[in-house]
């Protein structure tokens, strides 16, 4: 393996090595991570993950218009991300149940919201 760099984390010195020859390596099963091995054993799991988990993040990223946040600092970027997720979720609700039932649910008493959404 080729040495790339040394890093220091939590008081430990970590040397980073990697190679592109993993596909043909005879001891690959000893160094692949547990999650990676699980995904290689069950390719359908990765397909399901792509279809259900990664799509919303791609959609949100596309709506943001760039791969970076406009706000600086973690707290502000977290708030920006929360607003993007809220907008994504509201769009999904409007597409699934419609705008009129959503407005009706917002206007009614809290104890009746479940019933209006389910009856719509």
PDB file of N, CA and C in Angstrom:
ATOM      1  N   UNK A   1       0.827  -1.182   0.000  1.00  0.00           N
ATOM      2  CA  UNK A   1       0.000   0.000   0.000  1.00  0.00           C
ATOM      3  C   UNK A   1       0.873   1.249   0.000  1.00  0.00           C
ATOM      4  N   UNK A   2       0.348   2.266  -0.608  1.00  0.00           N
ATOM      5  CA  UNK A   2       1.077   3.519  -0.703  1.00  0.00           C
ATOM      6  C   UNK A   2       0.733   4.421   0.482  1.00  0.00           C
ATOM      7  N   UNK A   3       1.770   5.003   1.109  1.00  0.00           N
ATOM      8  CA  UNK A   3       1.588   5.937   2.223  1.00  0.00           C
ATOM      9  C   UNK A   3       1.151   7.290   1.661  1.00  0.00           C
ATOM     10  N   UNK A   4       0.134   7.916   2.309  1.00  0.00           N
ATOM     11  CA  UNK A   4      -0.347   9.207   1.835  1.00  0.00           C
ATOM     12  C   UNK A   4      -0.085  10.337   2.834  1.00  0.00           C
ATOM     13  N   UNK A   5      -0.473  10.168   4.095  1.00  0.00           N
ATOM     14  CA  UNK A   5      -0.230  11.236   5.064  1.00  0.00           C
ATOM     15  C   UNK A   5      -0.364  10.710   6.483  1.00  0.00           C
ATOM     16  N   UNK A   6       0.094  11.511   7.430  1.00  0.00           N
ATOM     17  CA  UNK A   6      -0.034  11.204   8.853  1.00  0.00           C
ATOM     18  C   UNK A   6      -0.953  12.233   9.474  1.00  0.00           C
ATOM     19  N   UNK A   7      -1.823  11.761  10.334  1.00  0.00           N
ATOM     20  CA  UNK A   7      -2.794  12.638  10.985  1.00  0.00           C
ATOM     21  C   UNK A   7      -2.769  12.364  12.486  1.00  0.00           C
ATOM     22  N   UNK A   8      -3.104  13.348  13.275  1.00  0.00           N
ATOM     23  CA  UNK A   8      -3.147  13.176  14.721  1.00  0.00           C
ATOM     24  C   UNK A   8      -4.576  13.426  15.194  1.00  0.00           C
ATOM     25  N   UNK A   9      -5.189  12.401  15.806  1.00  0.00           N
ATOM     26  CA  UNK A   9      -6.559  12.500  16.298  1.00  0.00           C
ATOM     27  C   UNK A   9      -6.634  11.941  17.712  1.00  0.00           C
ATOM     28  N   UNK A  10      -7.186  12.728  18.611  1.00  0.00           N
ATOM     29  CA  UNK A  10      -7.393  12.302  20.008  1.00  0.00           C
ATOM     30  C   UNK A  10      -6.126  11.723  20.621  1.00  0.00           C
ATOM     31  N   UNK A  11      -5.014  12.362  20.344  1.00  0.00           N
ATOM     32  CA  UNK A  11      -3.744  11.945  20.931  1.00  0.00           C
ATOM     33  C   UNK A  11      -3.086  10.762  20.253  1.00  0.00           C
ATOM     34  N   UNK A  12      -3.661  10.263  19.186  1.00  0.00           N
ATOM     35  CA  UNK A  12      -3.090   9.122  18.472  1.00  0.00           C
ATOM     36  C   UNK A  12      -2.554   9.576  17.117  1.00  0.00           C
ATOM     37  N   UNK A  13      -1.438   9.002  16.718  1.00  0.00           N
ATOM     38  CA  UNK A  13      -0.878   9.274  15.404  1.00  0.00           C
ATOM     39  C   UNK A  13      -1.390   8.215  14.446  1.00  0.00           C
ATOM     40  N   UNK A  14      -2.068   8.671  13.400  1.00  0.00           N
ATOM     41  CA  UNK A  14      -2.644   7.763  12.420  1.00  0.00           C
ATOM     42  C   UNK A  14      -1.962   7.970  11.080  1.00  0.00           C
ATOM     43  N   UNK A  15      -1.438   6.912  10.524  1.00  0.00           N
ATOM     44  CA  UNK A  15      -0.819   6.978   9.208  1.00  0.00           C
ATOM     45  C   UNK A  15      -1.813   6.427   8.203  1.00  0.00           C
ATOM     46  N   UNK A  16      -2.052   7.171   7.130  1.00  0.00           N
ATOM     47  CA  UNK A  16      -3.054   6.791   6.130  1.00  0.00           C
ATOM     48  C   UNK A  16      -2.381   6.169   4.909  1.00  0.00           C
ATOM     49  N   UNK A  17      -2.820   4.965   4.609  1.00  0.00           N
ATOM     50  CA  UNK A  17      -2.355   4.235   3.442  1.00  0.00           C
ATOM     51  C   UNK A  17      -3.587   3.798   2.660  1.00  0.00           C
ATOM     52  N   UNK A  18      -3.493   3.728   1.347  1.00  0.00           N
ATOM     53  CA  UNK A  18      -4.523   3.068   0.569  1.00  0.00           C
ATOM     54  C   UNK A  18      -4.003   2.703  -0.799  1.00  0.00           C
ATOM     55  N   UNK A  19      -4.808   1.857  -1.459  1.00  0.00           N
ATOM     56  CA  UNK A  19      -4.418   1.344  -2.766  1.00  0.00           C
ATOM     57  C   UNK A  19      -5.659   1.182  -3.629  1.00  0.00           C
ATOM     58  N   UNK A  20      -5.444   1.063  -4.910  1.00  0.00           N
ATOM     59  CA  UNK A  20      -6.544   0.815  -5.834  1.00  0.00           C
ATOM     60  C   UNK A  20      -6.647  -0.662  -6.203  1.00  0.00           C
ATOM     61  N   UNK A  21      -5.849  -1.492  -5.559  1.00  0.00           N
ATOM     62  CA  UNK A  21      -5.805  -2.915  -5.891  1.00  0.00           C
ATOM     63  C   UNK A  21      -6.712  -3.764  -5.004  1.00  0.00           C
ATOM     64  N   UNK A  22      -7.653  -3.161  -4.301  1.00  0.00           N
ATOM     65  CA  UNK A  22      -8.499  -3.918  -3.370  1.00  0.00           C
ATOM     66  C   UNK A  22      -9.346  -4.987  -4.063  1.00  0.00           C
ATOM     67  N   UNK A  23      -9.754  -4.723  -5.287  1.00  0.00           N
ATOM     68  CA  UNK A  23     -10.602  -5.682  -5.989  1.00  0.00           C
ATOM     69  C   UNK A  23      -9.945  -7.025  -6.211  1.00  0.00           C
ATOM     70  N   UNK A  24      -8.632  -7.058  -6.307  1.00  0.00           N
ATOM     71  CA  UNK A  24      -7.926  -8.311  -6.581  1.00  0.00           C
ATOM     72  C   UNK A  24      -7.151  -8.820  -5.366  1.00  0.00           C
ATOM     73  N   UNK A  25      -7.292  -8.174  -4.241  1.00  0.00           N
ATOM     74  CA  UNK A  25      -6.523  -8.519  -3.042  1.00  0.00           C
ATOM     75  C   UNK A  25      -7.028  -9.829  -2.424  1.00  0.00           C
ATOM     76  N   UNK A  26      -6.111 -10.671  -1.997  1.00  0.00           N
ATOM     77  CA  UNK A  26      -6.470 -11.947  -1.392  1.00  0.00           C
ATOM     78  C   UNK A  26      -6.924 -11.836   0.056  1.00  0.00           C
ATOM     79  N   UNK A  27      -6.607 -10.760   0.739  1.00  0.00           N
ATOM     80  CA  UNK A  27      -6.983 -10.597   2.145  1.00  0.00           C
ATOM     81  C   UNK A  27      -7.979  -9.444   2.329  1.00  0.00           C
ATOM     82  N   UNK A  28      -8.748  -9.165   1.287  1.00  0.00           N
ATOM     83  CA  UNK A  28      -9.708  -8.058   1.335  1.00  0.00           C
ATOM     84  C   UNK A  28     -10.716  -8.230   2.466  1.00  0.00           C
ATOM     85  N   UNK A  29     -11.139  -9.468   2.710  1.00  0.00           N
ATOM     86  CA  UNK A  29     -12.138  -9.703   3.754  1.00  0.00           C
ATOM     87  C   UNK A  29     -11.627  -9.335   5.140  1.00  0.00           C
ATOM     88  N   UNK A  30     -10.329  -9.210   5.327  1.00  0.00           N
ATOM     89  CA  UNK A  30      -9.774  -8.853   6.630  1.00  0.00           C
ATOM     90  C   UNK A  30      -9.734  -7.348   6.856  1.00  0.00           C
ATOM     91  N   UNK A  31      -9.782  -6.558   5.779  1.00  0.00           N
ATOM     92  CA  UNK A  31      -9.660  -5.115   5.975  1.00  0.00           C
ATOM     93  C   UNK A  31     -10.915  -4.340   5.613  1.00  0.00           C
ATOM     94  N   UNK A  32     -11.838  -4.919   4.894  1.00  0.00           N
ATOM     95  CA  UNK A  32     -13.076  -4.217   4.565  1.00  0.00           C
ATOM     96  C   UNK A  32     -13.882  -3.996   5.841  1.00  0.00           C
ATOM     97  N   UNK A  33     -14.540  -2.869   5.915  1.00  0.00           N
ATOM     98  CA  UNK A  33     -15.335  -2.571   7.105  1.00  0.00           C
ATOM     99  C   UNK A  33     -16.538  -3.488   7.183  1.00  0.00           C
ATOM    100  N   UNK A  34     -17.116  -3.598   8.350  1.00  0.00           N
ATOM    101  CA  UNK A  34     -18.270  -4.454   8.565  1.00  0.00           C
ATOM    102  C   UNK A  34     -19.442  -4.013   7.695  1.00  0.00           C
ATOM    103  N   UNK A  35     -19.665  -2.712   7.603  1.00  0.00           N
ATOM    104  CA  UNK A  35     -20.773  -2.205   6.805  1.00  0.00           C
ATOM    105  C   UNK A  35     -20.537  -2.494   5.332  1.00  0.00           C
ATOM    106  N   UNK A  36     -19.308  -2.278   4.875  1.00  0.00           N
ATOM    107  CA  UNK A  36     -18.993  -2.534   3.471  1.00  0.00           C
ATOM    108  C   UNK A  36     -19.198  -4.008   3.134  1.00  0.00           C
ATOM    109  N   UNK A  37     -18.760  -4.899   4.010  1.00  0.00           N
ATOM    110  CA  UNK A  37     -18.944  -6.335   3.769  1.00  0.00           C
ATOM    111  C   UNK A  37     -20.425  -6.690   3.717  1.00  0.00           C
ATOM    112  N   UNK A  38     -21.208  -6.089   4.614  1.00  0.00           N
ATOM    113  CA  UNK A  38     -22.640  -6.368   4.645  1.00  0.00           C
ATOM    114  C   UNK A  38     -23.294  -5.925   3.336  1.00  0.00           C
ATOM    115  N   UNK A  39     -22.885  -4.760   2.822  1.00  0.00           N
ATOM    116  CA  UNK A  39     -23.453  -4.271   1.573  1.00  0.00           C
ATOM    117  C   UNK A  39     -23.013  -5.113   0.380  1.00  0.00           C
ATOM    118  N   UNK A  40     -21.779  -5.602   0.415  1.00  0.00           N
ATOM    119  CA  UNK A  40     -21.316  -6.464  -0.671  1.00  0.00           C
ATOM    120  C   UNK A  40     -22.027  -7.804  -0.647  1.00  0.00           C
ATOM    121  N   UNK A  41     -22.357  -8.295   0.549  1.00  0.00           N
ATOM    122  CA  UNK A  41     -23.076  -9.562   0.661  1.00  0.00           C
ATOM    123  C   UNK A  41     -24.523  -9.422   0.216  1.00  0.00           C
ATOM    124  N   UNK A  42     -25.103  -8.242   0.414  1.00  0.00           N
ATOM    125  CA  UNK A  42     -26.505  -8.007   0.076  1.00  0.00           C
ATOM    126  C   UNK A  42     -26.600  -6.758  -0.793  1.00  0.00           C
ATOM    127  N   UNK A  43     -26.448  -6.921  -2.096  1.00  0.00           N
ATOM    128  CA  UNK A  43     -26.461  -5.766  -2.999  1.00  0.00           C
ATOM    129  C   UNK A  43     -27.828  -5.085  -3.031  1.00  0.00           C
ATOM    130  N   UNK A  44     -28.879  -5.820  -2.706  1.00  0.00           N
ATOM    131  CA  UNK A  44     -30.221  -5.219  -2.677  1.00  0.00           C
ATOM    132  C   UNK A  44     -30.313  -4.157  -1.576  1.00  0.00           C
ATOM    133  N   UNK A  45     -29.552  -4.319  -0.488  1.00  0.00           N
ATOM    134  CA  UNK A  45     -29.579  -3.336   0.600  1.00  0.00           C
ATOM    135  C   UNK A  45     -29.072  -1.984   0.123  1.00  0.00           C
ATOM    136  N   UNK A  46     -28.028  -1.975  -0.679  1.00  0.00           N
ATOM    137  CA  UNK A  46     -27.505  -0.704  -1.191  1.00  0.00           C
ATOM    138  C   UNK A  46     -28.483  -0.083  -2.174  1.00  0.00           C
ATOM    139  N   UNK A  47     -29.125  -0.888  -2.975  1.00  0.00           N
ATOM    140  CA  UNK A  47     -30.133  -0.367  -3.903  1.00  0.00           C
ATOM    141  C   UNK A  47     -31.285   0.274  -3.133  1.00  0.00           C
ATOM    142  N   UNK A  48     -31.746  -0.399  -2.078  1.00  0.00           N
ATOM    143  CA  UNK A  48     -32.820   0.144  -1.250  1.00  0.00           C
ATOM    144  C   UNK A  48     -32.383   1.439  -0.590  1.00  0.00           C
ATOM    145  N   UNK A  49     -31.161   1.486  -0.103  1.00  0.00           N
ATOM    146  CA  UNK A  49     -30.640   2.700   0.527  1.00  0.00           C
ATOM    147  C   UNK A  49     -30.620   3.851  -0.472  1.00  0.00           C
ATOM    148  N   UNK A  50     -30.146   3.589  -1.678  1.00  0.00           N
ATOM    149  CA  UNK A  50     -30.098   4.633  -2.699  1.00  0.00           C
ATOM    150  C   UNK A  50     -31.490   5.171  -3.005  1.00  0.00           C
ATOM    151  N   UNK A  51     -32.463   4.277  -3.071  1.00  0.00           N
ATOM    152  CA  UNK A  51     -33.817   4.674  -3.442  1.00  0.00           C
ATOM    153  C   UNK A  51     -34.531   5.438  -2.334  1.00  0.00           C
ATOM    154  N   UNK A  52     -34.247   5.114  -1.083  1.00  0.00           N
ATOM    155  CA  UNK A  52     -35.027   5.709   0.004  1.00  0.00           C
ATOM    156  C   UNK A  52     -34.310   6.808   0.769  1.00  0.00           C
ATOM    157  N   UNK A  53     -33.020   6.705   0.947  1.00  0.00           N
ATOM    158  CA  UNK A  53     -32.303   7.639   1.800  1.00  0.00           C
ATOM    159  C   UNK A  53     -31.570   8.713   1.018  1.00  0.00           C
ATOM    160  N   UNK A  54     -30.894   8.324  -0.032  1.00  0.00           N
ATOM    161  CA  UNK A  54     -30.034   9.277  -0.723  1.00  0.00           C
ATOM    162  C   UNK A  54     -30.798  10.231  -1.632  1.00  0.00           C
ATOM    163  N   UNK A  55     -31.968   9.841  -2.107  1.00  0.00           N
ATOM    164  CA  UNK A  55     -32.733  10.703  -3.002  1.00  0.00           C
ATOM    165  C   UNK A  55     -33.119  12.032  -2.354  1.00  0.00           C
ATOM    166  N   UNK A  56     -33.650  12.052  -1.128  1.00  0.00           N
ATOM    167  CA  UNK A  56     -33.988  13.352  -0.525  1.00  0.00           C
ATOM    168  C   UNK A  56     -32.787  14.289  -0.407  1.00  0.00           C
ATOM    169  N   UNK A  57     -31.625  13.751  -0.082  1.00  0.00           N
ATOM    170  CA  UNK A  57     -30.449  14.615   0.050  1.00  0.00           C
ATOM    171  C   UNK A  57     -30.037  15.194  -1.303  1.00  0.00           C
ATOM    172  N   UNK A  58     -30.144  14.401  -2.356  1.00  0.00           N
ATOM    173  CA  UNK A  58     -29.841  14.908  -3.693  1.00  0.00           C
ATOM    174  C   UNK A  58     -30.817  15.989  -4.112  1.00  0.00           C
ATOM    175  N   UNK A  59     -32.095  15.784  -3.799  1.00  0.00           N
ATOM    176  CA  UNK A  59     -33.111  16.782  -4.127  1.00  0.00           C
ATOM    177  C   UNK A  59     -32.873  18.071  -3.367  1.00  0.00           C
ATOM    178  N   UNK A  60     -32.587  17.961  -2.076  1.00  0.00           N
ATOM    179  CA  UNK A  60     -32.333  19.153  -1.263  1.00  0.00           C
ATOM    180  C   UNK A  60     -31.103  19.882  -1.779  1.00  0.00           C
ATOM    181  N   UNK A  61     -30.056  19.149  -2.100  1.00  0.00           N
ATOM    182  CA  UNK A  61     -28.829  19.767  -2.610  1.00  0.00           C
ATOM    183  C   UNK A  61     -29.096  20.502  -3.919  1.00  0.00           C
ATOM    184  N   UNK A  62     -29.894  19.901  -4.802  1.00  0.00           N
ATOM    185  CA  UNK A  62     -30.220  20.552  -6.068  1.00  0.00           C
ATOM    186  C   UNK A  62     -31.031  21.822  -5.843  1.00  0.00           C
ATOM    187  N   UNK A  63     -31.955  21.784  -4.893  1.00  0.00           N
ATOM    188  CA  UNK A  63     -32.759  22.978  -4.592  1.00  0.00           C
ATOM    189  C   UNK A  63     -31.935  24.083  -3.953  1.00  0.00           C
ATOM    190  N   UNK A  64     -30.895  23.699  -3.215  1.00  0.00           N
ATOM    191  CA  UNK A  64     -30.029  24.705  -2.603  1.00  0.00           C
ATOM    192  C   UNK A  64     -29.269  25.481  -3.678  1.00  0.00           C
ATOM    193  N   UNK A  65     -29.074  24.871  -4.829  1.00  0.00           N
ATOM    194  CA  UNK A  65     -28.418  25.541  -5.931  1.00  0.00           C
ATOM    195  C   UNK A  65     -26.901  25.461  -5.896  1.00  0.00           C
ATOM    196  N   UNK A  66     -26.354  24.868  -4.891  1.00  0.00           N
ATOM    197  CA  UNK A  66     -24.899  24.741  -4.784  1.00  0.00           C
ATOM    198  C   UNK A  66     -24.589  23.654  -3.771  1.00  0.00           C
ATOM    199  N   UNK A  67     -23.324  23.295  -3.697  1.00  0.00           N
ATOM    200  CA  UNK A  67     -22.912  22.244  -2.774  1.00  0.00           C
ATOM    201  C   UNK A  67     -22.453  22.820  -1.434  1.00  0.00           C
ATOM    202  N   UNK A  68     -22.685  24.089  -1.205  1.00  0.00           N
ATOM    203  CA  UNK A  68     -22.223  24.686   0.046  1.00  0.00           C
ATOM    204  C   UNK A  68     -23.359  25.488   0.685  1.00  0.00           C
ATOM    205  N   UNK A  69     -23.208  25.760   1.951  1.00  0.00           N
ATOM    206  CA  UNK A  69     -24.193  26.552   2.676  1.00  0.00           C
ATOM    207  C   UNK A  69     -23.890  28.032   2.505  1.00  0.00           C
ATOM    208  N   UNK A  70     -24.921  28.833   2.542  1.00  0.00           N
ATOM    209  CA  UNK A  70     -24.745  30.278   2.447  1.00  0.00           C
ATOM    210  C   UNK A  70     -24.314  30.869   3.783  1.00  0.00           C
ATOM    211  N   UNK A  71     -24.721  30.232   4.868  1.00  0.00           N
ATOM    212  CA  UNK A  71     -24.415  30.730   6.215  1.00  0.00           C
ATOM    213  C   UNK A  71     -23.072  30.190   6.692  1.00  0.00           C
ATOM    214  N   UNK A  72     -22.457  30.943   7.565  1.00  0.00           N
ATOM    215  CA  UNK A  72     -21.204  30.515   8.179  1.00  0.00           C
ATOM    216  C   UNK A  72     -21.500  30.033   9.599  1.00  0.00           C
ATOM    217  N   UNK A  73     -20.603  29.269  10.179  1.00  0.00           N
ATOM    218  CA  UNK A  73     -20.709  28.646  11.505  1.00  0.00           C
ATOM    219  C   UNK A  73     -21.683  27.477  11.487  1.00  0.00           C
ATOM    220  N   UNK A  74     -21.398  26.517  12.322  1.00  0.00           N
ATOM    221  CA  UNK A  74     -22.184  25.276  12.352  1.00  0.00           C
ATOM    222  C   UNK A  74     -23.628  25.546  12.750  1.00  0.00           C
ATOM    223  N   UNK A  75     -23.848  26.391  13.750  1.00  0.00           N
ATOM    224  CA  UNK A  75     -25.208  26.670  14.224  1.00  0.00           C
ATOM    225  C   UNK A  75     -26.051  27.270  13.096  1.00  0.00           C
ATOM    226  N   UNK A  76     -25.491  28.222  12.373  1.00  0.00           N
ATOM    227  CA  UNK A  76     -26.230  28.863  11.292  1.00  0.00           C
ATOM    228  C   UNK A  76     -26.446  27.922  10.116  1.00  0.00           C
ATOM    229  N   UNK A  77     -25.440  27.117   9.798  1.00  0.00           N
ATOM    230  CA  UNK A  77     -25.590  26.151   8.716  1.00  0.00           C
ATOM    231  C   UNK A  77     -26.626  25.089   9.088  1.00  0.00           C
ATOM    232  N   UNK A  78     -26.673  24.704  10.361  1.00  0.00           N
ATOM    233  CA  UNK A  78     -27.673  23.732  10.817  1.00  0.00           C
ATOM    234  C   UNK A  78     -29.076  24.317  10.671  1.00  0.00           C
ATOM    235  N   UNK A  79     -29.224  25.598  10.978  1.00  0.00           N
ATOM    236  CA  UNK A  79     -30.517  26.253  10.814  1.00  0.00           C
ATOM    237  C   UNK A  79     -30.905  26.306   9.341  1.00  0.00           C
ATOM    238  N   UNK A  80     -29.945  26.633   8.486  1.00  0.00           N
ATOM    239  CA  UNK A  80     -30.201  26.665   7.047  1.00  0.00           C
ATOM    240  C   UNK A  80     -30.637  25.292   6.549  1.00  0.00           C
ATOM    241  N   UNK A  81     -29.957  24.244   7.007  1.00  0.00           N
ATOM    242  CA  UNK A  81     -30.308  22.883   6.591  1.00  0.00           C
ATOM    243  C   UNK A  81     -31.701  22.516   7.097  1.00  0.00           C
ATOM    244  N   UNK A  82     -32.019  22.911   8.320  1.00  0.00           N
ATOM    245  CA  UNK A  82     -33.345  22.623   8.872  1.00  0.00           C
ATOM    246  C   UNK A  82     -34.438  23.272   8.024  1.00  0.00           C
ATOM    247  N   UNK A  83     -34.193  24.481   7.552  1.00  0.00           N
ATOM    248  CA  UNK A  83     -35.169  25.155   6.695  1.00  0.00           C
ATOM    249  C   UNK A  83     -35.312  24.441   5.350  1.00  0.00           C
ATOM    250  N   UNK A  84     -34.209  23.962   4.804  1.00  0.00           N
ATOM    251  CA  UNK A  84     -34.274  23.208   3.549  1.00  0.00           C
ATOM    252  C   UNK A  84     -35.046  21.905   3.734  1.00  0.00           C
ATOM    253  N   UNK A  85     -34.818  21.222   4.843  1.00  0.00           N
ATOM    254  CA  UNK A  85     -35.529  19.968   5.123  1.00  0.00           C
ATOM    255  C   UNK A  85     -37.014  20.245   5.335  1.00  0.00           C
ATOM    256  N   UNK A  86     -37.344  21.324   6.041  1.00  0.00           N
ATOM    257  CA  UNK A  86     -38.745  21.695   6.243  1.00  0.00           C
ATOM    258  C   UNK A  86     -39.424  21.963   4.907  1.00  0.00           C
ATOM    259  N   UNK A  87     -38.759  22.708   4.028  1.00  0.00           N
ATOM    260  CA  UNK A  87     -39.330  22.996   2.711  1.00  0.00           C
ATOM    261  C   UNK A  87     -39.528  21.706   1.913  1.00  0.00           C
ATOM    262  N   UNK A  88     -38.568  20.798   1.983  1.00  0.00           N
ATOM    263  CA  UNK A  88     -38.680  19.517   1.283  1.00  0.00           C
ATOM    264  C   UNK A  88     -39.870  18.723   1.820  1.00  0.00           C
ATOM    265  N   UNK A  89     -39.994  18.665   3.150  1.00  0.00           N
ATOM    266  CA  UNK A  89     -41.089  17.900   3.753  1.00  0.00           C
ATOM    267  C   UNK A  89     -42.448  18.514   3.445  1.00  0.00           C
ATOM    268  N   UNK A  90     -42.551  19.839   3.463  1.00  0.00           N
ATOM    269  CA  UNK A  90     -43.821  20.487   3.120  1.00  0.00           C
ATOM    270  C   UNK A  90     -44.186  20.221   1.665  1.00  0.00           C
ATOM    271  N   UNK A  91     -43.213  20.242   0.784  1.00  0.00           N
ATOM    272  CA  UNK A  91     -43.466  19.932  -0.619  1.00  0.00           C
ATOM    273  C   UNK A  91     -43.988  18.511  -0.759  1.00  0.00           C
ATOM    274  N   UNK A  92     -43.386  17.579  -0.031  1.00  0.00           N
ATOM    275  CA  UNK A  92     -43.851  16.188  -0.085  1.00  0.00           C
ATOM    276  C   UNK A  92     -45.273  16.054   0.431  1.00  0.00           C
ATOM    277  N   UNK A  93     -45.591  16.751   1.532  1.00  0.00           N
ATOM    278  CA  UNK A  93     -46.958  16.694   2.077  1.00  0.00           C
ATOM    279  C   UNK A  93     -47.944  17.258   1.057  1.00  0.00           C
ATOM    280  N   UNK A  94     -47.604  18.403   0.448  1.00  0.00           N
ATOM    281  CA  UNK A  94     -48.503  18.998  -0.545  1.00  0.00           C
ATOM    282  C   UNK A  94     -48.701  18.072  -1.739  1.00  0.00           C
ATOM    283  N   UNK A  95     -47.655  17.376  -2.156  1.00  0.00           N
ATOM    284  CA  UNK A  95     -47.780  16.449  -3.277  1.00  0.00           C
ATOM    285  C   UNK A  95     -48.564  15.199  -2.901  1.00  0.00           C
ATOM    286  N   UNK A  96     -48.476  14.767  -1.641  1.00  0.00           N
ATOM    287  CA  UNK A  96     -49.140  13.527  -1.222  1.00  0.00           C
ATOM    288  C   UNK A  96     -50.606  13.726  -0.874  1.00  0.00           C
ATOM    289  N   UNK A  97     -50.933  14.763  -0.109  1.00  0.00           N
ATOM    290  CA  UNK A  97     -52.328  14.929   0.316  1.00  0.00           C
ATOM    291  C   UNK A  97     -53.008  16.126  -0.332  1.00  0.00           C
ATOM    292  N   UNK A  98     -52.244  17.029  -0.911  1.00  0.00           N
ATOM    293  CA  UNK A  98     -52.816  18.206  -1.554  1.00  0.00           C
ATOM    294  C   UNK A  98     -52.725  19.429  -0.659  1.00  0.00           C
ATOM    295  N   UNK A  99     -52.925  20.583  -1.267  1.00  0.00           N
ATOM    296  CA  UNK A  99     -52.789  21.842  -0.533  1.00  0.00           C
ATOM    297  C   UNK A  99     -54.012  22.113   0.342  1.00  0.00           C
ATOM    298  N   UNK A 100     -55.212  21.852  -0.175  1.00  0.00           N
ATOM    299  CA  UNK A 100     -56.432  22.148   0.595  1.00  0.00           C
ATOM    300  C   UNK A 100     -56.494  21.344   1.896  1.00  0.00           C
ATOM    301  N   UNK A 101     -56.247  20.029   1.878  1.00  0.00           N
ATOM    302  CA  UNK A 101     -56.252  19.295   3.155  1.00  0.00           C
ATOM    303  C   UNK A 101     -55.164  19.776   4.118  1.00  0.00           C
ATOM    304  N   UNK A 102     -54.029  20.203   3.581  1.00  0.00           N
ATOM    305  CA  UNK A 102     -52.962  20.724   4.441  1.00  0.00           C
ATOM    306  C   UNK A 102     -53.403  22.009   5.131  1.00  0.00           C
ATOM    307  N   UNK A 103     -54.027  22.909   4.381  1.00  0.00           N
ATOM    308  CA  UNK A 103     -54.520  24.163   4.968  1.00  0.00           C
ATOM    309  C   UNK A 103     -55.627  23.873   5.964  1.00  0.00           C
ATOM    310  N   UNK A 104     -56.511  22.942   5.644  1.00  0.00           N
ATOM    311  CA  UNK A 104     -57.594  22.577   6.558  1.00  0.00           C
ATOM    312  C   UNK A 104     -57.026  21.997   7.858  1.00  0.00           C
ATOM    313  N   UNK A 105     -56.008  21.176   7.747  1.00  0.00           N
ATOM    314  CA  UNK A 105     -55.393  20.589   8.943  1.00  0.00           C
ATOM    315  C   UNK A 105     -54.725  21.661   9.786  1.00  0.00           C
ATOM    316  N   UNK A 106     -54.158  22.651   9.148  1.00  0.00           N
ATOM    317  CA  UNK A 106     -53.492  23.733   9.885  1.00  0.00           C
ATOM    318  C   UNK A 106     -54.509  24.590  10.618  1.00  0.00           C
ATOM    319  N   UNK A 107     -55.696  24.787  10.048  1.00  0.00           N
ATOM    320  CA  UNK A 107     -56.701  25.662  10.651  1.00  0.00           C
ATOM    321  C   UNK A 107     -57.509  25.002  11.767  1.00  0.00           C
ATOM    322  N   UNK A 108     -57.606  23.681  11.773  1.00  0.00           N
ATOM    323  CA  UNK A 108     -58.462  23.009  12.754  1.00  0.00           C
ATOM    324  C   UNK A 108     -57.776  22.868  14.103  1.00  0.00           C
ATOM    325  N   UNK A 109     -58.521  22.375  15.071  1.00  0.00           N
ATOM    326  CA  UNK A 109     -57.953  22.140  16.398  1.00  0.00           C
ATOM    327  C   UNK A 109     -56.957  20.988  16.336  1.00  0.00           C
ATOM    328  N   UNK A 110     -55.936  21.021  17.202  1.00  0.00           N
ATOM    329  CA  UNK A 110     -54.900  19.973  17.178  1.00  0.00           C
ATOM    330  C   UNK A 110     -55.437  18.559  17.290  1.00  0.00           C
ATOM    331  N   UNK A 111     -56.520  18.354  18.075  1.00  0.00           N
ATOM    332  CA  UNK A 111     -57.022  16.995  18.247  1.00  0.00           C
ATOM    333  C   UNK A 111     -57.720  16.469  16.994  1.00  0.00           C
ATOM    334  N   UNK A 112     -58.090  17.355  16.046  1.00  0.00           N
ATOM    335  CA  UNK A 112     -58.775  16.926  14.839  1.00  0.00           C
ATOM    336  C   UNK A 112     -57.846  16.845  13.640  1.00  0.00           C
ATOM    337  N   UNK A 113     -56.590  17.266  13.754  1.00  0.00           N
ATOM    338  CA  UNK A 113     -55.687  17.264  12.608  1.00  0.00           C
ATOM    339  C   UNK A 113     -55.499  15.880  12.012  1.00  0.00           C
ATOM    340  N   UNK A 114     -55.325  14.885  12.844  1.00  0.00           N
ATOM    341  CA  UNK A 114     -55.110  13.515  12.374  1.00  0.00           C
ATOM    342  C   UNK A 114     -56.308  13.053  11.545  1.00  0.00           C
ATOM    343  N   UNK A 115     -57.524  13.342  12.014  1.00  0.00           N
ATOM    344  CA  UNK A 115     -58.727  12.889  11.348  1.00  0.00           C
ATOM    345  C   UNK A 115     -58.868  13.548   9.966  1.00  0.00           C
ATOM    346  N   UNK A 116     -58.610  14.844   9.856  1.00  0.00           N
ATOM    347  CA  UNK A 116     -58.759  15.533   8.579  1.00  0.00           C
ATOM    348  C   UNK A 116     -57.766  15.015   7.561  1.00  0.00           C
ATOM    349  N   UNK A 117     -56.519  14.816   7.973  1.00  0.00           N
ATOM    350  CA  UNK A 117     -55.503  14.316   7.053  1.00  0.00           C
ATOM    351  C   UNK A 117     -55.848  12.915   6.597  1.00  0.00           C
ATOM    352  N   UNK A 118     -56.331  12.073   7.525  1.00  0.00           N
ATOM    353  CA  UNK A 118     -56.652  10.703   7.166  1.00  0.00           C
ATOM    354  C   UNK A 118     -57.921  10.620   6.299  1.00  0.00           C
ATOM    355  N   UNK A 119     -58.894  11.511   6.514  1.00  0.00           N
ATOM    356  CA  UNK A 119     -60.135  11.480   5.772  1.00  0.00           C
ATOM    357  C   UNK A 119     -60.004  12.128   4.401  1.00  0.00           C
ATOM    358  N   UNK A 120     -58.968  12.895   4.191  1.00  0.00           N
ATOM    359  CA  UNK A 120     -58.855  13.652   2.922  1.00  0.00           C
ATOM    360  C   UNK A 120     -58.578  12.763   1.738  1.00  0.00           C
TER     361      UNK A 120
END
